[in-house]
Protein backbone atom coordinates (compact mmCIF):
# COMPACT_ATOMS: atom_id res chain seq x y z
CA MET A 1 -6.79 0.43 -35.79
CA ASP A 2 -8.74 -1.88 -37.79
CA THR A 3 -8.90 -1.81 -41.59
CA ALA A 4 -12.37 -0.02 -41.28
CA GLY A 5 -10.46 2.68 -39.83
CA ASN A 6 -11.90 2.84 -36.28
CA PHE A 7 -9.58 3.30 -33.21
CA TYR A 8 -9.76 1.95 -30.35
CA PHE A 9 -8.84 3.30 -26.76
CA PHE A 10 -8.79 0.83 -23.70
CA HIS A 11 -8.43 2.13 -20.17
CA LEU A 12 -9.26 0.96 -16.45
CA SER A 13 -12.20 1.98 -14.46
CA ASN A 14 -12.72 4.53 -11.55
CA PRO A 15 -16.61 4.54 -10.94
CA ASP A 16 -17.79 6.93 -8.68
CA THR A 17 -19.81 4.02 -6.90
CA GLY A 18 -17.99 0.69 -6.43
CA ASN A 19 -14.63 -0.57 -7.13
CA TRP A 20 -12.12 1.69 -8.46
CA ILE A 21 -10.44 -0.51 -11.47
CA ASP A 22 -13.90 -2.78 -11.34
CA ARG A 23 -13.56 -3.52 -15.06
CA ILE A 24 -11.75 -2.73 -18.78
CA ILE A 25 -13.70 -0.08 -21.00
CA CYS A 26 -13.34 -0.03 -24.78
CA GLN A 27 -14.50 3.49 -26.53
CA LYS A 28 -13.82 3.73 -30.44
CA THR A 29 -14.01 6.61 -32.62
CA SER A 30 -14.84 6.13 -36.21
CA ASP A 31 -13.59 9.86 -37.11
CA HIS A 32 -10.65 10.24 -36.29
CA GLY A 33 -10.71 11.02 -32.81
CA ASN A 34 -12.85 13.69 -33.19
CA THR A 35 -15.65 11.95 -31.50
CA TRP A 36 -15.82 8.95 -29.25
CA ASN A 37 -18.66 6.59 -27.94
CA ASP A 38 -19.34 5.89 -24.79
CA GLY A 39 -18.08 2.65 -25.08
CA SER A 40 -18.44 -0.69 -24.01
CA PHE A 41 -16.85 -2.71 -20.99
CA THR A 42 -15.36 -6.54 -20.33
CA GLY A 43 -14.36 -7.77 -16.87
CA LEU A 44 -16.95 -7.01 -14.39
CA ASN A 45 -16.68 -9.22 -12.15
CA ASP A 46 -17.96 -8.11 -8.38
CA GLU A 47 -15.28 -6.16 -6.35
CA LYS A 48 -12.26 -8.07 -8.56
CA ALA A 49 -9.67 -5.87 -9.94
CA GLN A 50 -9.17 -5.69 -13.67
CA ASP A 51 -5.86 -4.02 -14.66
CA LYS A 52 -3.01 -4.81 -17.59
CA GLN A 53 -5.28 -4.70 -20.39
CA TRP A 54 -3.50 -5.10 -24.01
CA CYS A 55 -5.57 -5.83 -27.35
CA ALA A 56 -4.86 -7.17 -31.08
CA ILE A 57 -7.12 -7.28 -33.74
CA ASP A 58 -7.30 -9.78 -36.93
CA PRO A 59 -6.89 -7.65 -39.95
CA VAL A 60 -8.99 -10.34 -41.92
CA THR A 61 -12.17 -10.07 -39.56
CA ASN A 62 -11.52 -7.28 -37.19
CA THR A 63 -12.15 -9.46 -34.12
CA ILE A 64 -10.75 -7.42 -31.15
CA TYR A 65 -9.02 -10.01 -29.03
CA LEU A 66 -8.83 -8.67 -25.31
CA THR A 67 -5.82 -9.88 -22.36
CA TRP A 68 -5.74 -8.65 -18.98
CA THR A 69 -4.82 -9.39 -15.31
CA GLN A 70 -7.72 -9.81 -12.36
CA PHE A 71 -6.34 -9.77 -9.03
CA ASP A 72 -9.00 -11.03 -6.69
CA VAL A 73 -7.72 -8.06 -4.15
CA TYR A 74 -4.85 -6.26 -5.51
CA GLY A 75 -1.90 -5.43 -3.83
CA SER A 76 -2.82 -8.46 -1.43
CA SER A 77 -0.57 -10.82 0.61
CA ASN A 78 -2.74 -13.00 1.43
CA PRO A 79 -2.09 -16.34 0.18
CA ASN A 80 -6.11 -17.49 -0.99
CA ASP A 81 -5.99 -14.37 -2.74
CA SER A 82 -4.71 -15.00 -6.82
CA SER A 83 -4.01 -13.44 -10.01
CA THR A 84 -5.21 -14.59 -13.62
CA ILE A 85 -4.67 -13.73 -16.97
CA LEU A 86 -8.27 -13.25 -18.87
CA PHE A 87 -9.37 -13.52 -22.62
CA SER A 88 -11.98 -11.66 -24.09
CA LYS A 89 -12.78 -10.87 -27.51
CA SER A 90 -15.90 -8.62 -29.83
CA ILE A 91 -16.73 -9.69 -33.16
CA ASP A 92 -18.64 -6.24 -33.68
CA GLU A 93 -16.50 -3.31 -33.50
CA GLY A 94 -16.22 -3.35 -29.99
CA GLU A 95 -20.25 -3.02 -28.93
CA THR A 96 -20.19 -6.32 -27.07
CA TRP A 97 -18.14 -8.92 -25.55
CA THR A 98 -17.64 -12.32 -25.27
CA THR A 99 -17.88 -14.02 -21.25
CA PRO A 100 -14.29 -13.47 -19.80
CA ILE A 101 -12.46 -17.30 -19.70
CA ARG A 102 -9.00 -18.20 -17.60
CA LEU A 103 -5.94 -18.56 -19.91
CA ASN A 104 -3.33 -20.08 -17.22
CA GLN A 105 -3.35 -22.88 -14.95
CA ILE A 106 -0.82 -21.74 -12.12
CA ALA A 107 -2.21 -18.57 -10.78
CA GLY A 108 -0.04 -15.62 -9.21
CA ASP A 109 -0.33 -14.08 -5.88
CA CYS A 110 -1.99 -10.24 -5.67
CA VAL A 111 1.49 -8.74 -4.41
CA ASP A 112 2.16 -7.08 -7.86
CA SER A 113 5.10 -8.24 -8.09
CA ASP A 114 7.79 -11.52 -9.90
CA ASN A 115 4.96 -14.05 -8.51
CA THR A 116 2.18 -12.07 -9.80
CA THR A 117 0.90 -13.05 -13.60
CA GLU A 118 1.32 -10.15 -16.01
CA GLY A 119 2.17 -8.70 -19.04
CA ALA A 120 -0.75 -10.43 -21.52
CA VAL A 121 -0.27 -8.99 -24.68
CA PRO A 122 -2.16 -10.92 -27.23
CA ALA A 123 -0.74 -10.93 -31.34
CA VAL A 124 -2.72 -12.87 -34.19
CA GLY A 125 -0.77 -14.97 -36.76
CA PRO A 126 -1.44 -14.85 -40.45
CA GLU A 127 -3.94 -17.85 -40.06
CA GLY A 128 -6.02 -15.94 -37.58
CA GLU A 129 -3.66 -17.84 -34.70
CA VAL A 130 -3.88 -15.71 -31.54
CA TYR A 131 -0.91 -15.95 -29.48
CA VAL A 132 -0.09 -14.32 -25.78
CA SER A 133 2.43 -14.64 -23.53
CA TRP A 134 2.87 -13.04 -19.84
CA ALA A 135 5.30 -13.55 -16.85
CA GLY A 136 4.89 -15.09 -13.38
CA PRO A 137 5.67 -17.78 -10.90
CA LYS A 138 7.12 -19.57 -13.56
CA GLY A 139 8.47 -16.99 -15.33
CA LEU A 140 7.59 -16.23 -19.07
CA VAL A 141 4.62 -18.80 -20.63
CA PHE A 142 3.03 -19.02 -23.21
CA ASN A 143 -0.45 -19.93 -24.53
CA ARG A 144 -1.97 -20.09 -28.24
CA SER A 145 -5.56 -20.71 -29.67
CA PHE A 146 -6.05 -21.69 -33.67
CA ASP A 147 -9.84 -21.47 -33.42
CA GLY A 148 -10.17 -17.76 -32.54
CA GLY A 149 -10.39 -18.28 -29.20
CA LYS A 150 -12.92 -20.88 -28.44
CA THR A 151 -10.14 -23.47 -27.20
CA TRP A 152 -6.22 -23.18 -25.59
CA LEU A 153 -3.73 -25.20 -25.13
CA PRO A 154 -5.02 -27.15 -21.35
CA HIS A 155 -1.50 -25.96 -19.93
CA GLU A 156 0.76 -22.53 -20.72
CA SER A 157 4.79 -24.29 -21.95
CA GLN A 158 7.48 -22.40 -20.34
CA ILE A 159 9.85 -19.91 -22.89
CA ASP A 160 12.28 -19.29 -19.94
CA PRO A 161 12.36 -19.29 -15.90
CA ILE A 162 13.43 -14.99 -15.91
CA PRO A 163 15.97 -15.31 -13.49
CA PHE A 164 15.27 -13.34 -11.14
CA GLY A 165 11.85 -12.04 -11.95
CA TRP A 166 10.17 -9.13 -13.53
CA ASP A 167 9.87 -6.84 -11.11
CA HIS A 168 13.26 -4.86 -11.69
CA ASN A 169 14.90 -2.40 -9.15
CA VAL A 170 16.37 0.50 -11.29
CA SER A 171 17.58 2.99 -9.64
CA GLY A 172 15.75 6.57 -10.35
CA ILE A 173 12.54 4.65 -11.24
CA PHE A 174 9.50 4.33 -9.28
CA ARG A 175 9.11 0.80 -10.05
CA ALA A 176 10.40 -0.88 -13.27
CA ASN A 177 9.21 -4.37 -14.99
CA GLY A 178 9.93 -6.42 -17.60
CA LEU A 179 7.59 -7.48 -18.61
CA PRO A 180 6.39 -9.46 -22.10
CA ILE A 181 5.32 -8.13 -25.48
CA THR A 182 4.18 -10.66 -27.66
CA LEU A 183 4.21 -10.39 -31.79
CA CYS A 184 3.70 -12.32 -34.90
CA ASP A 185 5.10 -11.70 -38.43
CA GLN A 186 2.07 -11.40 -41.20
CA SER A 187 3.98 -9.56 -43.41
CA ASN A 188 4.67 -11.66 -46.95
CA GLY A 189 8.54 -11.56 -46.04
CA PRO A 190 10.46 -14.63 -45.19
CA ASN A 191 9.45 -14.80 -41.63
CA ARG A 192 5.35 -15.06 -42.44
CA GLY A 193 4.71 -16.41 -39.20
CA THR A 194 7.67 -16.13 -37.37
CA ILE A 195 6.61 -15.45 -33.04
CA TYR A 196 8.51 -13.05 -31.15
CA ILE A 197 8.81 -12.26 -27.55
CA CYS A 198 10.34 -9.50 -26.07
CA TRP A 199 11.26 -9.15 -22.64
CA ALA A 200 13.89 -7.52 -19.99
CA ASP A 201 15.43 -9.18 -16.97
CA GLN A 202 18.17 -9.36 -14.63
CA ARG A 203 20.01 -12.33 -15.22
CA ASN A 204 23.07 -10.37 -15.13
CA GLY A 205 23.25 -8.73 -11.99
CA GLU A 206 20.75 -5.88 -10.98
CA ASN A 207 23.15 -3.45 -12.04
CA ASP A 208 22.98 -4.75 -15.25
CA THR A 209 19.27 -4.95 -16.61
CA ASP A 210 18.86 -6.24 -20.39
CA ILE A 211 16.99 -6.45 -23.66
CA TRP A 212 15.70 -9.90 -24.30
CA PHE A 213 13.42 -12.06 -27.11
CA ALA A 214 12.87 -15.22 -28.29
CA LYS A 215 11.07 -16.58 -31.30
CA SER A 216 9.27 -19.72 -32.82
CA THR A 217 8.73 -20.54 -36.45
CA ASP A 218 6.12 -23.75 -35.16
CA LYS A 219 3.64 -21.91 -33.73
CA GLY A 220 4.89 -21.73 -30.67
CA ASP A 221 5.86 -25.23 -30.29
CA HIS A 222 9.68 -24.88 -29.50
CA TRP A 223 11.35 -21.37 -28.39
CA SER A 224 14.89 -20.50 -29.72
CA ALA A 225 17.29 -19.58 -26.51
CA PRO A 226 17.14 -15.61 -25.38
CA GLN A 227 18.97 -13.28 -27.24
CA LYS A 228 20.34 -10.34 -25.82
CA ILE A 229 18.97 -6.98 -28.11
CA ASN A 230 20.86 -4.33 -26.30
CA ASP A 231 24.48 -4.85 -27.56
CA ASP A 232 26.68 -2.97 -25.26
CA THR A 233 29.53 -5.14 -24.11
CA GLY A 234 29.62 -3.86 -20.09
CA THR A 235 27.67 -3.15 -17.48
CA GLY A 236 24.38 -1.04 -17.56
CA GLN A 237 21.14 -0.75 -16.95
CA GLN A 238 18.79 -1.06 -20.32
CA PHE A 239 14.90 -1.24 -19.27
CA PHE A 240 11.55 -0.39 -20.07
CA PRO A 241 11.14 -2.57 -23.64
CA TRP A 242 8.51 -2.23 -26.37
CA MET A 243 8.82 -4.16 -29.62
CA THR A 244 7.02 -3.64 -32.93
CA ILE A 245 6.84 -4.98 -36.64
CA ASP A 246 6.53 -3.35 -39.61
CA GLN A 247 3.93 -5.71 -41.01
CA THR A 248 4.21 -4.60 -44.71
CA ASN A 249 8.47 -6.30 -44.39
CA GLY A 250 8.79 -7.89 -41.37
CA ASN A 251 10.94 -5.76 -40.03
CA LEU A 252 11.17 -5.51 -36.13
CA TYR A 253 12.11 -2.30 -33.67
CA CYS A 254 12.33 -2.14 -30.00
CA ILE A 255 12.65 1.15 -27.99
CA PHE A 256 14.27 1.29 -24.52
CA TYR A 257 15.57 3.35 -21.95
CA ASP A 258 19.62 2.78 -21.60
CA ARG A 259 22.29 4.23 -19.13
CA ARG A 260 24.86 2.83 -20.84
CA ASN A 261 26.94 6.35 -21.67
CA ARG A 262 26.30 7.58 -18.81
CA LYS A 263 26.70 7.42 -14.90
CA GLY A 264 24.49 7.31 -12.26
CA ASP A 265 20.81 7.48 -13.20
CA SER A 266 21.52 9.50 -16.22
CA THR A 267 19.19 8.38 -19.20
CA ASP A 268 19.08 7.70 -22.57
CA VAL A 269 16.23 6.07 -25.51
CA PHE A 270 17.47 3.93 -27.61
CA LEU A 271 16.05 2.06 -30.28
CA ALA A 272 17.21 -1.49 -31.70
CA PHE A 273 16.44 -3.15 -34.72
CA SER A 274 16.20 -6.09 -37.35
CA ILE A 275 15.66 -7.07 -40.92
CA ASP A 276 16.68 -9.77 -40.49
CA GLY A 277 13.96 -11.82 -38.05
CA GLY A 278 16.49 -10.95 -34.87
CA GLN A 279 19.05 -12.77 -35.94
CA ASN A 280 21.04 -9.11 -36.15
CA PHE A 281 20.30 -6.05 -34.28
CA THR A 282 21.34 -2.52 -34.92
CA ASN A 283 21.22 -0.33 -31.82
CA LYS A 284 20.93 3.69 -32.13
CA LYS A 285 19.99 6.58 -29.47
CA ILE A 286 17.06 8.52 -30.72
CA SER A 287 16.94 10.85 -27.58
CA ASP A 288 18.37 14.18 -27.63
CA SER A 289 19.85 14.59 -24.89
CA PRO A 290 19.90 12.63 -21.19
CA PHE A 291 17.32 12.73 -18.73
CA VAL A 292 17.31 11.82 -14.87
CA PRO A 293 14.46 10.34 -13.64
CA SER A 294 13.12 10.32 -10.05
CA PRO A 295 12.42 7.73 -7.63
CA ASN A 296 10.24 9.94 -5.66
CA VAL A 297 8.11 10.88 -9.43
CA PHE A 298 6.04 7.67 -10.80
CA PHE A 299 7.52 7.62 -14.54
CA GLY A 300 4.60 4.83 -15.44
CA ASP A 301 4.91 1.29 -16.73
CA TYR A 302 5.87 1.58 -20.16
CA THR A 303 7.34 2.94 -23.50
CA ASN A 304 5.60 1.81 -26.78
CA ILE A 305 6.07 2.31 -30.49
CA THR A 306 4.64 1.08 -34.14
CA ALA A 307 5.84 0.98 -37.16
CA HIS A 308 4.62 0.66 -41.21
CA ALA A 309 6.33 1.50 -44.64
CA GLY A 310 9.24 2.34 -43.26
CA ILE A 311 7.89 4.61 -41.17
CA VAL A 312 8.32 4.04 -37.66
CA ARG A 313 6.72 6.17 -34.20
CA PRO A 314 8.25 5.20 -30.90
CA ILE A 315 7.37 6.62 -27.84
CA TRP A 316 8.97 7.71 -24.29
CA THR A 317 8.61 9.03 -20.90
CA ARG A 318 11.21 12.13 -19.78
CA LEU A 319 11.32 13.91 -16.94
CA HIS A 320 13.05 17.84 -16.88
CA LYS A 321 12.90 20.00 -13.88
CA GLY A 322 10.17 17.54 -12.40
CA GLN A 323 7.83 17.57 -14.92
CA LEU A 324 6.71 14.30 -16.96
CA SER A 325 6.63 14.80 -20.73
CA ILE A 326 5.55 12.81 -23.58
CA TRP A 327 8.10 12.77 -26.70
CA THR A 328 8.10 10.57 -30.20
CA ASP A 329 10.60 11.30 -32.74
CA LEU A 330 9.63 11.16 -36.55
CA LEU A 331 11.77 8.04 -37.93
CA THR A 332 12.21 6.19 -40.91
CA HIS A 333 13.82 2.79 -41.98
CA ASP A 334 16.27 4.89 -44.18
CA LYS A 335 17.36 7.05 -41.75
CA LEU A 336 17.95 4.40 -39.47
CA LEU A 337 20.32 2.38 -42.19
CA SER A 338 22.36 6.01 -43.28
CA SER A 339 23.03 6.55 -39.48
CA GLN A 340 26.63 5.34 -39.03
CA THR A 341 26.81 6.07 -35.78
CA ASN A 342 24.63 6.61 -32.51
CA ASP A 343 24.53 10.11 -32.31
CA ASP A 344 23.63 10.82 -36.06
CA LEU A 345 19.86 10.39 -34.96
CA SER A 346 20.21 12.83 -32.14
CA VAL A 347 22.64 15.17 -32.67
CA THR A 348 21.74 15.61 -36.75
CA LYS A 349 19.06 14.80 -37.64
CA ILE A 350 15.79 17.45 -38.55
CA ASP A 351 12.17 17.64 -38.05
CA PHE A 352 10.80 18.62 -41.29
CA GLU A 353 7.08 19.33 -42.20
CA ASN A 354 5.48 22.02 -44.93
CA TYR A 355 1.86 22.83 -44.96
CA PRO A 356 -0.65 23.64 -46.81
CA ASN A 357 -0.26 21.32 -49.56
CA PRO A 358 -0.99 21.52 -52.16
CA GLY A 359 -0.50 25.78 -52.03
CA SER A 360 -1.18 28.27 -54.15
CA GLU A 361 0.40 31.64 -53.13
CA TYR A 362 3.29 30.49 -50.39
CA THR A 363 4.19 27.24 -48.44
CA LEU A 364 4.86 26.77 -45.15
CA VAL A 365 8.26 25.25 -43.67
CA SER A 366 8.48 24.26 -39.89
CA TYR A 367 11.60 22.37 -38.83
CA LYS A 368 13.87 21.66 -35.69
CA LEU A 369 17.07 21.52 -35.57
CA ARG A 370 18.99 19.45 -33.13
CA LYS A 371 22.08 21.36 -32.93
CA SER A 372 23.44 24.52 -35.00
CA SER A 373 23.52 24.51 -38.31
CA LYS A 374 23.81 25.82 -41.90
CA VAL A 375 20.67 25.57 -43.52
CA SER A 376 19.30 25.74 -47.22
CA ILE A 377 16.11 24.90 -48.57
CA ILE A 378 15.60 24.84 -51.92
CA LEU A 379 12.74 24.34 -54.67
CA LYS A 380 13.46 21.87 -57.35
CA ASP A 381 11.54 20.41 -60.02
CA LEU A 382 11.01 17.13 -60.98
CA GLY A 383 13.90 16.73 -63.30
CA GLY A 384 16.34 18.06 -60.59
CA ASN A 385 16.82 21.38 -61.56
CA THR A 386 17.45 23.83 -59.03
CA ILE A 387 14.34 26.59 -59.36
CA TYR A 388 14.70 28.88 -56.23
CA LYS A 389 16.68 28.65 -53.17
CA PHE A 390 14.64 30.26 -49.91
CA LEU A 391 17.35 29.43 -48.11
CA ASP A 392 21.15 29.18 -48.81
CA GLN A 393 23.71 28.17 -46.22
CA GLU A 394 22.01 30.56 -43.42
CA PRO A 395 23.18 29.45 -39.97
CA LYS A 396 20.42 28.45 -37.71
CA GLU A 397 20.83 27.63 -34.16
CA TYR A 398 19.11 24.98 -32.08
CA GLY A 399 15.75 25.18 -32.17
CA LYS A 400 12.27 25.01 -34.34
CA TYR A 401 11.87 27.54 -37.12
CA VAL A 402 8.80 28.42 -39.30
CA GLU A 403 9.50 29.73 -42.93
CA ARG A 404 7.67 31.25 -45.36
CA LEU A 405 8.07 30.22 -48.77
CA ASP A 406 6.23 32.77 -51.25
CA THR A 407 5.96 30.60 -53.98
CA GLY A 408 3.00 32.81 -55.78
CA LYS A 409 5.76 35.41 -56.72
CA LEU A 410 7.89 33.03 -58.85
CA GLN A 411 5.20 32.89 -61.29
CA LEU A 412 5.09 28.95 -61.46
CA THR A 413 2.65 26.50 -63.46
CA SER A 414 0.65 24.37 -61.40
CA ALA A 415 2.35 21.16 -61.19
CA THR A 416 4.48 19.05 -58.64
CA TYR A 417 7.36 20.55 -57.20
CA VAL A 418 10.11 19.19 -55.14
CA LEU A 419 11.22 21.40 -51.76
CA GLN A 420 14.33 19.68 -50.30
CA ILE A 421 16.50 20.57 -46.83
CA TYR A 422 20.00 20.79 -46.98
CA LEU A 423 22.17 20.74 -43.32
CA GLY A 424 25.28 22.07 -44.88
CA ASN A 425 26.28 20.38 -48.19
CA ARG A 426 23.77 16.87 -46.58
CA LEU A 427 20.95 16.30 -47.98
CA TYR A 428 18.56 15.40 -45.14
CA GLU A 429 14.56 15.32 -46.71
CA SER A 430 13.40 15.72 -49.97
CA ARG A 431 8.84 16.58 -49.84
CA LYS A 432 7.01 17.03 -52.85
CA ILE A 433 5.27 19.83 -52.87
CA ILE A 434 1.79 20.28 -55.34
CA ILE A 435 2.06 24.24 -56.42
CA HIS A 436 -1.47 25.62 -57.54
CA SER A 437 -0.79 28.71 -60.30
CA ASP A 438 -3.46 31.34 -62.56
CA LYS A 439 -0.61 31.30 -64.68
């Protein structure tokens, strides 16, 4: 999303004629997804395959920076075929694109494995710098531009050799990668300008995949030693990470699959966060229950996560009875801080929404319980005085509920009120609601 409110959707192509994944396509919506344009494209290059596209947008200029992998022949083991990292940008909201340029001097193969150059995710610095890292035959490498992508370092620099490569064998997963994510802190916090790179690798063994990150405080000239994000002490699989920065404060959030508490292929979802520039990470389990993936069902290649002003939205895939589904969680930074154990988020957390807001005769409250609880829903004024208890310690089982609260019968004056929901005696959520009344 850019600062003008446009959303951009980048995807691969599958044309009726020509070659499969022969270009990268960009589509835009300016009305929050109600309508989308037909799109533009970049990267069309005869029969070569274009894949693994990611973008970053400069919040000052709204320039869109796009990086991806080009395969001479996807899946080829011919040593004459190679993979390269390409870059293109748009300065007109995705209408047109610059001619792609190559960022890597060391080409990869086309096998789609450890020696293939993949995982190029761009990031924008606070002064308009463009940073990119990717993985390939030299491990984790990095390039940068200080002039909007016109010129780059003549040779990519190595950050880490990534022992045993980025293509992992994880039981139950059709294919698993540890490709990097590049980020840069644009906030006005103490870590402004710091570049972060997150990835997964198996340096501690094939049965002990871990999540790592490195950072640079001097625009990529030097890098810290890799630091492990997952805080388990034994062997266990952590895989498919994604990281984001809350650009209002510089906090880091990382989502990944985790088997530290399970046997076999049973899998949880964890979120790790740092408020001190990655010096320390706190790990929390956010999934309700474990799931068991199947190597016979393609699980996708990614998780993802975004955060803004303390609101955190992770996204992940789950397999249940042979069916894939996509999940998220309605997290806030305060909830992450207040939960004391890994199970707090998945066992006692609720999802809570109210609508319409403003309302007059009634408001609907939708909530989802993660375990059996006694529920109270209380309306208060802004001074904290209780006006009415719609529910008072009412037993509810696991599940989703919608309650109709008939506020019109209370003969309230038009004002802003506070709606609170309790589980037992513990307050879990407060929402301001506006009530319009004829009184």
